Amino acid sequence: MSKSELPAVVLLSGGLDSATVLAIARERNHRLFALSFRYGQRHAAELSAAARVARQMDVTEHRTIEIDLRQFGGSALTSELDVPKHASVEELTDEIPITYVPARNTIFLSYALAWSEVLGAADIFIGVNALDYSGYPDCRPEYIAAFETMANLATKAAVEGQRLTIHTPLISLSKSQIIQRGAALGVDYAATISCYDADANGAACGHCDSCLLRQRGFAEAGVPDPTRYR
């Protein structure tokens, strides 16, 4: 199989980071298999965005998996807890915010691992970031390294010699660097949504952690912000 035919599973939320990662995987000449989740999150706008991005990137297959993390709650994204809002990005703290969804990346990566093994794919891409992020513990390099180690102990493919690699090309980039990278690859950021509390039409609130980091990223990158704010 030539390099241009090598399949890769890419976790695609519909946000800025995951769209950029999908473009990076495409630049590396992978066949793209995009994986999204309807997990009980506050709004479906991000899934519509994921579908738009997948079409624009000409993915081979895009699947949306149904799971229900609202059964457990524990997050403002999967319960009736209010999403924190701030006047500016300077108000953000180092504390892990209530928008953290318990075990979310572990669950998502487990599904990606299962699909990759079925596809014969040795590569999974995820848009975690350890700089301009909200302090989530499952976005750290040591977490990704631990999951990759586990995956290579747990799968038939790895035992038989095909080791899995989890690619995190954004993990050490600032939000502005991510935007500059994606813009160079032709990512249409107008198709994405990052807001934790978007309205029914997909308009962003402009004041949650994710909106504020996105706004600052575009400003620092010198790229016009195409986000629709309400």
C-alpha atoms as a PDB file:
ATOM      1  CA  MET A   1       0.000   0.000   0.000  1.00  0.00           C
ATOM      2  CA  SER A   2       1.450   3.377  -0.986  1.00  0.00           C
ATOM      3  CA  LYS A   3       1.731   6.248   1.478  1.00  0.00           C
ATOM      4  CA  SER A   4      -1.113   8.041  -0.294  1.00  0.00           C
ATOM      5  CA  GLU A   5      -3.390   5.100   0.497  1.00  0.00           C
ATOM      6  CA  LEU A   6      -2.610   4.744   4.190  1.00  0.00           C
ATOM      7  CA  PRO A   7      -5.830   5.215   6.193  1.00  0.00           C
ATOM      8  CA  ALA A   8      -6.011   7.416   9.279  1.00  0.00           C
ATOM      9  CA  VAL A   9      -8.823   7.949  11.783  1.00  0.00           C
ATOM     10  CA  VAL A  10      -9.262  11.614  12.673  1.00  0.00           C
ATOM     11  CA  LEU A  11     -11.390  12.759  15.622  1.00  0.00           C
ATOM     12  CA  LEU A  12     -13.529  15.580  14.255  1.00  0.00           C
ATOM     13  CA  SER A  13     -15.584  17.719  16.639  1.00  0.00           C
ATOM     14  CA  GLY A  14     -16.376  20.475  14.161  1.00  0.00           C
ATOM     15  CA  GLY A  15     -14.160  22.927  16.021  1.00  0.00           C
ATOM     16  CA  LEU A  16     -11.168  24.933  14.907  1.00  0.00           C
ATOM     17  CA  ASP A  17      -8.542  22.519  16.216  1.00  0.00           C
ATOM     18  CA  SER A  18     -10.016  19.323  14.827  1.00  0.00           C
ATOM     19  CA  ALA A  19     -10.542  20.908  11.395  1.00  0.00           C
ATOM     20  CA  THR A  20      -6.878  21.913  11.365  1.00  0.00           C
ATOM     21  CA  VAL A  21      -5.798  18.400  12.343  1.00  0.00           C
ATOM     22  CA  LEU A  22      -7.921  16.943   9.561  1.00  0.00           C
ATOM     23  CA  ALA A  23      -6.167  19.256   7.086  1.00  0.00           C
ATOM     24  CA  ILE A  24      -2.773  18.184   8.435  1.00  0.00           C
ATOM     25  CA  ALA A  25      -3.680  14.501   8.014  1.00  0.00           C
ATOM     26  CA  ARG A  26      -4.793  15.271   4.460  1.00  0.00           C
ATOM     27  CA  GLU A  27      -1.510  17.098   3.785  1.00  0.00           C
ATOM     28  CA  ARG A  28       0.298  13.922   4.877  1.00  0.00           C
ATOM     29  CA  ASN A  29      -1.577  12.034   2.135  1.00  0.00           C
ATOM     30  CA  HIS A  30      -3.686   9.814   4.352  1.00  0.00           C
ATOM     31  CA  ARG A  31      -7.062   8.445   3.370  1.00  0.00           C
ATOM     32  CA  LEU A  32      -9.277  10.215   5.873  1.00  0.00           C
ATOM     33  CA  PHE A  33     -11.802   8.494   8.115  1.00  0.00           C
ATOM     34  CA  ALA A  34     -13.421  11.138  10.312  1.00  0.00           C
ATOM     35  CA  LEU A  35     -15.111  10.248  13.591  1.00  0.00           C
ATOM     36  CA  SER A  36     -17.556  12.504  15.462  1.00  0.00           C
ATOM     37  CA  PHE A  37     -19.770  11.948  18.504  1.00  0.00           C
ATOM     38  CA  ARG A  38     -23.268  12.879  19.538  1.00  0.00           C
ATOM     39  CA  TYR A  39     -22.571  12.402  23.222  1.00  0.00           C
ATOM     40  CA  GLY A  40     -25.303  14.442  24.872  1.00  0.00           C
ATOM     41  CA  GLN A  41     -23.528  17.767  24.396  1.00  0.00           C
ATOM     42  CA  ARG A  42     -25.462  21.014  24.802  1.00  0.00           C
ATOM     43  CA  HIS A  43     -25.989  21.672  21.106  1.00  0.00           C
ATOM     44  CA  ALA A  44     -25.841  19.855  17.775  1.00  0.00           C
ATOM     45  CA  ALA A  45     -24.303  22.812  15.939  1.00  0.00           C
ATOM     46  CA  GLU A  46     -20.834  21.309  16.242  1.00  0.00           C
ATOM     47  CA  LEU A  47     -22.003  18.131  14.498  1.00  0.00           C
ATOM     48  CA  SER A  48     -23.346  20.160  11.596  1.00  0.00           C
ATOM     49  CA  ALA A  49     -19.974  21.903  11.493  1.00  0.00           C
ATOM     50  CA  ALA A  50     -18.163  18.558  11.529  1.00  0.00           C
ATOM     51  CA  ALA A  51     -20.240  17.397   8.560  1.00  0.00           C
ATOM     52  CA  ARG A  52     -19.414  20.596   6.651  1.00  0.00           C
ATOM     53  CA  VAL A  53     -15.697  20.247   7.337  1.00  0.00           C
ATOM     54  CA  ALA A  54     -15.705  16.572   6.359  1.00  0.00           C
ATOM     55  CA  ARG A  55     -17.329  17.406   3.022  1.00  0.00           C
ATOM     56  CA  GLN A  56     -14.845  20.198   2.347  1.00  0.00           C
ATOM     57  CA  MET A  57     -11.900  17.915   3.120  1.00  0.00           C
ATOM     58  CA  ASP A  58     -13.176  15.075   0.922  1.00  0.00           C
ATOM     59  CA  VAL A  59     -12.942  12.450   3.635  1.00  0.00           C
ATOM     60  CA  THR A  60     -13.382   8.839   2.585  1.00  0.00           C
ATOM     61  CA  GLU A  61     -15.943   8.234   5.336  1.00  0.00           C
ATOM     62  CA  HIS A  62     -17.396  10.297   8.169  1.00  0.00           C
ATOM     63  CA  ARG A  63     -19.195   8.529  11.001  1.00  0.00           C
ATOM     64  CA  THR A  64     -21.067  10.041  13.934  1.00  0.00           C
ATOM     65  CA  ILE A  65     -21.338   7.763  16.957  1.00  0.00           C
ATOM     66  CA  GLU A  66     -24.245   8.027  19.401  1.00  0.00           C
ATOM     67  CA  ILE A  67     -23.361   7.781  23.085  1.00  0.00           C
ATOM     68  CA  ASP A  68     -25.006   9.455  26.066  1.00  0.00           C
ATOM     69  CA  LEU A  69     -22.677  11.030  28.599  1.00  0.00           C
ATOM     70  CA  ARG A  70     -25.651  12.953  29.988  1.00  0.00           C
ATOM     71  CA  GLN A  71     -26.398   9.818  31.968  1.00  0.00           C
ATOM     72  CA  PHE A  72     -23.467  10.808  34.169  1.00  0.00           C
ATOM     73  CA  GLY A  73     -23.407  14.600  33.797  1.00  0.00           C
ATOM     74  CA  GLY A  74     -20.636  16.222  35.789  1.00  0.00           C
ATOM     75  CA  SER A  75     -19.986  18.880  33.150  1.00  0.00           C
ATOM     76  CA  ALA A  76     -21.658  22.041  31.919  1.00  0.00           C
ATOM     77  CA  LEU A  77     -21.603  20.443  28.460  1.00  0.00           C
ATOM     78  CA  THR A  78     -23.556  17.347  29.515  1.00  0.00           C
ATOM     79  CA  SER A  79     -25.920  18.716  32.173  1.00  0.00           C
ATOM     80  CA  GLU A  80     -27.994  21.759  33.049  1.00  0.00           C
ATOM     81  CA  LEU A  81     -25.055  23.486  34.731  1.00  0.00           C
ATOM     82  CA  ASP A  82     -24.404  26.950  33.303  1.00  0.00           C
ATOM     83  CA  VAL A  83     -21.457  27.415  30.968  1.00  0.00           C
ATOM     84  CA  PRO A  84     -19.106  29.963  32.604  1.00  0.00           C
ATOM     85  CA  LYS A  85     -18.886  33.296  30.779  1.00  0.00           C
ATOM     86  CA  HIS A  86     -16.194  35.958  31.025  1.00  0.00           C
ATOM     87  CA  ALA A  87     -15.682  39.524  29.870  1.00  0.00           C
ATOM     88  CA  SER A  88     -12.187  38.840  28.537  1.00  0.00           C
ATOM     89  CA  VAL A  89      -9.598  36.097  28.122  1.00  0.00           C
ATOM     90  CA  GLU A  90      -7.610  37.627  31.019  1.00  0.00           C
ATOM     91  CA  GLU A  91     -10.289  36.338  33.403  1.00  0.00           C
ATOM     92  CA  LEU A  92      -9.491  32.697  32.611  1.00  0.00           C
ATOM     93  CA  THR A  93      -7.723  30.815  35.401  1.00  0.00           C
ATOM     94  CA  ASP A  94      -5.570  27.693  35.632  1.00  0.00           C
ATOM     95  CA  GLU A  95      -8.336  25.738  37.384  1.00  0.00           C
ATOM     96  CA  ILE A  96      -9.991  22.909  35.460  1.00  0.00           C
ATOM     97  CA  PRO A  97     -13.335  24.413  34.427  1.00  0.00           C
ATOM     98  CA  ILE A  98     -16.796  22.885  34.714  1.00  0.00           C
ATOM     99  CA  THR A  99     -16.802  22.427  30.917  1.00  0.00           C
ATOM    100  CA  TYR A 100     -14.416  19.488  31.377  1.00  0.00           C
ATOM    101  CA  VAL A 101     -16.295  16.297  30.418  1.00  0.00           C
ATOM    102  CA  PRO A 102     -15.139  13.341  32.547  1.00  0.00           C
ATOM    103  CA  ALA A 103     -13.247  10.706  30.512  1.00  0.00           C
ATOM    104  CA  ARG A 104     -14.369  12.201  27.175  1.00  0.00           C
ATOM    105  CA  ASN A 105     -11.088  11.863  25.293  1.00  0.00           C
ATOM    106  CA  THR A 106     -10.546   8.375  26.698  1.00  0.00           C
ATOM    107  CA  ILE A 107     -13.941   7.325  25.366  1.00  0.00           C
ATOM    108  CA  PHE A 108     -13.415   9.028  22.000  1.00  0.00           C
ATOM    109  CA  LEU A 109      -9.951   7.561  21.535  1.00  0.00           C
ATOM    110  CA  SER A 110     -11.250   4.095  22.420  1.00  0.00           C
ATOM    111  CA  TYR A 111     -13.789   4.307  19.604  1.00  0.00           C
ATOM    112  CA  ALA A 112     -11.103   5.613  17.249  1.00  0.00           C
ATOM    113  CA  LEU A 113      -8.875   2.719  18.284  1.00  0.00           C
ATOM    114  CA  ALA A 114     -11.588   0.186  17.505  1.00  0.00           C
ATOM    115  CA  TRP A 115     -12.292   1.674  14.079  1.00  0.00           C
ATOM    116  CA  SER A 116      -8.604   1.996  13.234  1.00  0.00           C
ATOM    117  CA  GLU A 117      -8.040  -1.679  13.947  1.00  0.00           C
ATOM    118  CA  VAL A 118     -10.940  -2.674  11.717  1.00  0.00           C
ATOM    119  CA  LEU A 119      -9.651  -0.377   8.949  1.00  0.00           C
ATOM    120  CA  GLY A 120      -6.086  -1.606   9.300  1.00  0.00           C
ATOM    121  CA  ALA A 121      -5.048   1.956  10.156  1.00  0.00           C
ATOM    122  CA  ALA A 122      -1.922   2.576  12.186  1.00  0.00           C
ATOM    123  CA  ASP A 123      -2.589   6.295  12.669  1.00  0.00           C
ATOM    124  CA  ILE A 124      -5.073   8.249  14.794  1.00  0.00           C
ATOM    125  CA  PHE A 125      -5.137  12.055  14.785  1.00  0.00           C
ATOM    126  CA  ILE A 126      -6.567  14.165  17.606  1.00  0.00           C
ATOM    127  CA  GLY A 127      -6.523  17.942  18.077  1.00  0.00           C
ATOM    128  CA  VAL A 128      -5.531  18.150  21.727  1.00  0.00           C
ATOM    129  CA  ASN A 129      -3.505  21.178  22.779  1.00  0.00           C
ATOM    130  CA  ALA A 130      -1.452  21.798  25.920  1.00  0.00           C
ATOM    131  CA  LEU A 131      -0.984  25.571  25.551  1.00  0.00           C
ATOM    132  CA  ASP A 132      -4.065  27.620  24.634  1.00  0.00           C
ATOM    133  CA  TYR A 133      -6.610  25.272  26.186  1.00  0.00           C
ATOM    134  CA  SER A 134      -8.872  25.155  29.208  1.00  0.00           C
ATOM    135  CA  GLY A 135      -6.686  23.005  31.448  1.00  0.00           C
ATOM    136  CA  TYR A 136      -8.263  19.644  30.632  1.00  0.00           C
ATOM    137  CA  PRO A 137      -6.163  16.754  31.976  1.00  0.00           C
ATOM    138  CA  ASP A 138      -6.877  14.565  28.935  1.00  0.00           C
ATOM    139  CA  CYS A 139      -5.192  17.092  26.621  1.00  0.00           C
ATOM    140  CA  ARG A 140      -1.722  16.642  28.126  1.00  0.00           C
ATOM    141  CA  PRO A 141       1.196  14.913  26.328  1.00  0.00           C
ATOM    142  CA  GLU A 142       1.651  12.395  29.161  1.00  0.00           C
ATOM    143  CA  TYR A 143      -1.984  11.315  28.828  1.00  0.00           C
ATOM    144  CA  ILE A 144      -1.662  10.767  25.072  1.00  0.00           C
ATOM    145  CA  ALA A 145       1.577   8.818  25.570  1.00  0.00           C
ATOM    146  CA  ALA A 146      -0.100   6.607  28.187  1.00  0.00           C
ATOM    147  CA  PHE A 147      -3.099   5.909  25.948  1.00  0.00           C
ATOM    148  CA  GLU A 148      -0.826   5.040  23.021  1.00  0.00           C
ATOM    149  CA  THR A 149       1.092   2.613  25.239  1.00  0.00           C
ATOM    150  CA  MET A 150      -2.172   1.007  26.351  1.00  0.00           C
ATOM    151  CA  ALA A 151      -3.429   0.780  22.759  1.00  0.00           C
ATOM    152  CA  ASN A 152      -0.323  -1.059  21.669  1.00  0.00           C
ATOM    153  CA  LEU A 153      -0.827  -3.581  24.461  1.00  0.00           C
ATOM    154  CA  ALA A 154      -4.527  -4.048  23.870  1.00  0.00           C
ATOM    155  CA  THR A 155      -4.987  -4.678  20.150  1.00  0.00           C
ATOM    156  CA  LYS A 156      -4.521  -7.704  17.928  1.00  0.00           C
ATOM    157  CA  ALA A 157      -2.933  -5.497  15.272  1.00  0.00           C
ATOM    158  CA  ALA A 158      -0.206  -4.268  17.628  1.00  0.00           C
ATOM    159  CA  VAL A 159       0.496  -7.753  19.000  1.00  0.00           C
ATOM    160  CA  GLU A 160       0.937  -8.933  15.419  1.00  0.00           C
ATOM    161  CA  GLY A 161       3.366  -6.126  14.620  1.00  0.00           C
ATOM    162  CA  GLN A 162       1.367  -3.081  13.450  1.00  0.00           C
ATOM    163  CA  ARG A 163       1.952  -0.477  16.105  1.00  0.00           C
ATOM    164  CA  LEU A 164      -0.491   2.389  16.473  1.00  0.00           C
ATOM    165  CA  THR A 165       0.595   6.023  16.605  1.00  0.00           C
ATOM    166  CA  ILE A 166      -1.589   8.775  18.056  1.00  0.00           C
ATOM    167  CA  HIS A 167      -0.693  12.007  16.299  1.00  0.00           C
ATOM    168  CA  THR A 168      -1.125  15.310  18.162  1.00  0.00           C
ATOM    169  CA  PRO A 169       0.296  17.894  15.735  1.00  0.00           C
ATOM    170  CA  LEU A 170      -1.217  20.834  17.650  1.00  0.00           C
ATOM    171  CA  ILE A 171      -0.205  19.871  21.149  1.00  0.00           C
ATOM    172  CA  SER A 172       2.585  22.444  21.544  1.00  0.00           C
ATOM    173  CA  LEU A 173       1.147  25.211  19.334  1.00  0.00           C
ATOM    174  CA  SER A 174      -0.559  28.389  20.458  1.00  0.00           C
ATOM    175  CA  LYS A 175      -4.053  29.081  19.131  1.00  0.00           C
ATOM    176  CA  SER A 176      -2.651  31.712  16.775  1.00  0.00           C
ATOM    177  CA  GLN A 177      -0.079  29.239  15.433  1.00  0.00           C
ATOM    178  CA  ILE A 178      -2.840  26.672  14.893  1.00  0.00           C
ATOM    179  CA  ILE A 179      -4.884  29.204  12.921  1.00  0.00           C
ATOM    180  CA  GLN A 180      -1.894  30.226  10.820  1.00  0.00           C
ATOM    181  CA  ARG A 181      -1.149  26.560  10.089  1.00  0.00           C
ATOM    182  CA  GLY A 182      -4.735  25.848   9.107  1.00  0.00           C
ATOM    183  CA  ALA A 183      -5.040  28.983   7.004  1.00  0.00           C
ATOM    184  CA  ALA A 184      -1.937  27.917   5.069  1.00  0.00           C
ATOM    185  CA  LEU A 185      -3.635  24.570   4.420  1.00  0.00           C
ATOM    186  CA  GLY A 186      -6.844  26.215   3.226  1.00  0.00           C
ATOM    187  CA  VAL A 187      -9.060  25.422   6.208  1.00  0.00           C
ATOM    188  CA  ASP A 188     -12.393  27.254   6.009  1.00  0.00           C
ATOM    189  CA  TYR A 189     -12.756  28.356   9.610  1.00  0.00           C
ATOM    190  CA  ALA A 190     -16.181  29.826   8.846  1.00  0.00           C
ATOM    191  CA  ALA A 191     -17.369  26.217   8.634  1.00  0.00           C
ATOM    192  CA  THR A 192     -16.225  25.477  12.197  1.00  0.00           C
ATOM    193  CA  ILE A 193     -17.669  26.276  15.594  1.00  0.00           C
ATOM    194  CA  SER A 194     -15.841  26.310  18.923  1.00  0.00           C
ATOM    195  CA  CYS A 195     -18.462  27.770  21.253  1.00  0.00           C
ATOM    196  CA  TYR A 196     -19.560  25.789  24.316  1.00  0.00           C
ATOM    197  CA  ASP A 197     -22.943  27.507  24.356  1.00  0.00           C
ATOM    198  CA  ALA A 198     -23.940  28.210  20.749  1.00  0.00           C
ATOM    199  CA  ASP A 199     -27.570  28.957  19.955  1.00  0.00           C
ATOM    200  CA  ALA A 200     -29.870  26.804  17.824  1.00  0.00           C
ATOM    201  CA  ASN A 201     -28.599  28.502  14.668  1.00  0.00           C
ATOM    202  CA  GLY A 202     -24.948  27.889  15.503  1.00  0.00           C
ATOM    203  CA  ALA A 203     -24.143  31.473  16.519  1.00  0.00           C
ATOM    204  CA  ALA A 204     -21.403  31.657  19.156  1.00  0.00           C
ATOM    205  CA  CYS A 205     -21.863  33.285  22.558  1.00  0.00           C
ATOM    206  CA  GLY A 206     -18.545  35.139  22.415  1.00  0.00           C
ATOM    207  CA  HIS A 207     -17.870  34.848  26.166  1.00  0.00           C
ATOM    208  CA  CYS A 208     -17.186  31.209  27.065  1.00  0.00           C
ATOM    209  CA  ASP A 209     -13.597  29.970  27.482  1.00  0.00           C
ATOM    210  CA  SER A 210     -13.505  28.497  23.998  1.00  0.00           C
ATOM    211  CA  CYS A 211     -14.876  31.607  22.284  1.00  0.00           C
ATOM    212  CA  LEU A 212     -12.400  33.871  24.078  1.00  0.00           C
ATOM    213  CA  LEU A 213      -9.401  31.694  23.192  1.00  0.00           C
ATOM    214  CA  ARG A 214     -10.607  31.510  19.591  1.00  0.00           C
ATOM    215  CA  GLN A 215     -11.020  35.292  19.374  1.00  0.00           C
ATOM    216  CA  ARG A 216      -7.552  35.908  20.771  1.00  0.00           C
ATOM    217  CA  GLY A 217      -6.089  33.324  18.409  1.00  0.00           C
ATOM    218  CA  PHE A 218      -7.467  35.023  15.302  1.00  0.00           C
ATOM    219  CA  ALA A 219      -6.367  38.450  16.549  1.00  0.00           C
ATOM    220  CA  GLU A 220      -2.816  37.289  17.273  1.00  0.00           C
ATOM    221  CA  ALA A 221      -2.632  35.371  13.990  1.00  0.00           C
ATOM    222  CA  GLY A 222      -3.655  38.429  12.011  1.00  0.00           C
ATOM    223  CA  VAL A 223      -6.414  36.412  10.352  1.00  0.00           C
ATOM    224  CA  PRO A 224      -9.996  37.770  10.126  1.00  0.00           C
ATOM    225  CA  ASP A 225     -12.325  35.953  12.536  1.00  0.00           C
ATOM    226  CA  PRO A 226     -15.178  34.469  10.461  1.00  0.00           C
ATOM    227  CA  THR A 227     -17.169  33.352  13.536  1.00  0.00           C
ATOM    228  CA  ARG A 228     -20.856  34.275  13.720  1.00  0.00           C
ATOM    229  CA  TYR A 229     -21.499  35.751  17.159  1.00  0.00           C
ATOM    230  CA  ARG A 230     -24.932  36.421  18.575  1.00  0.00           C
END
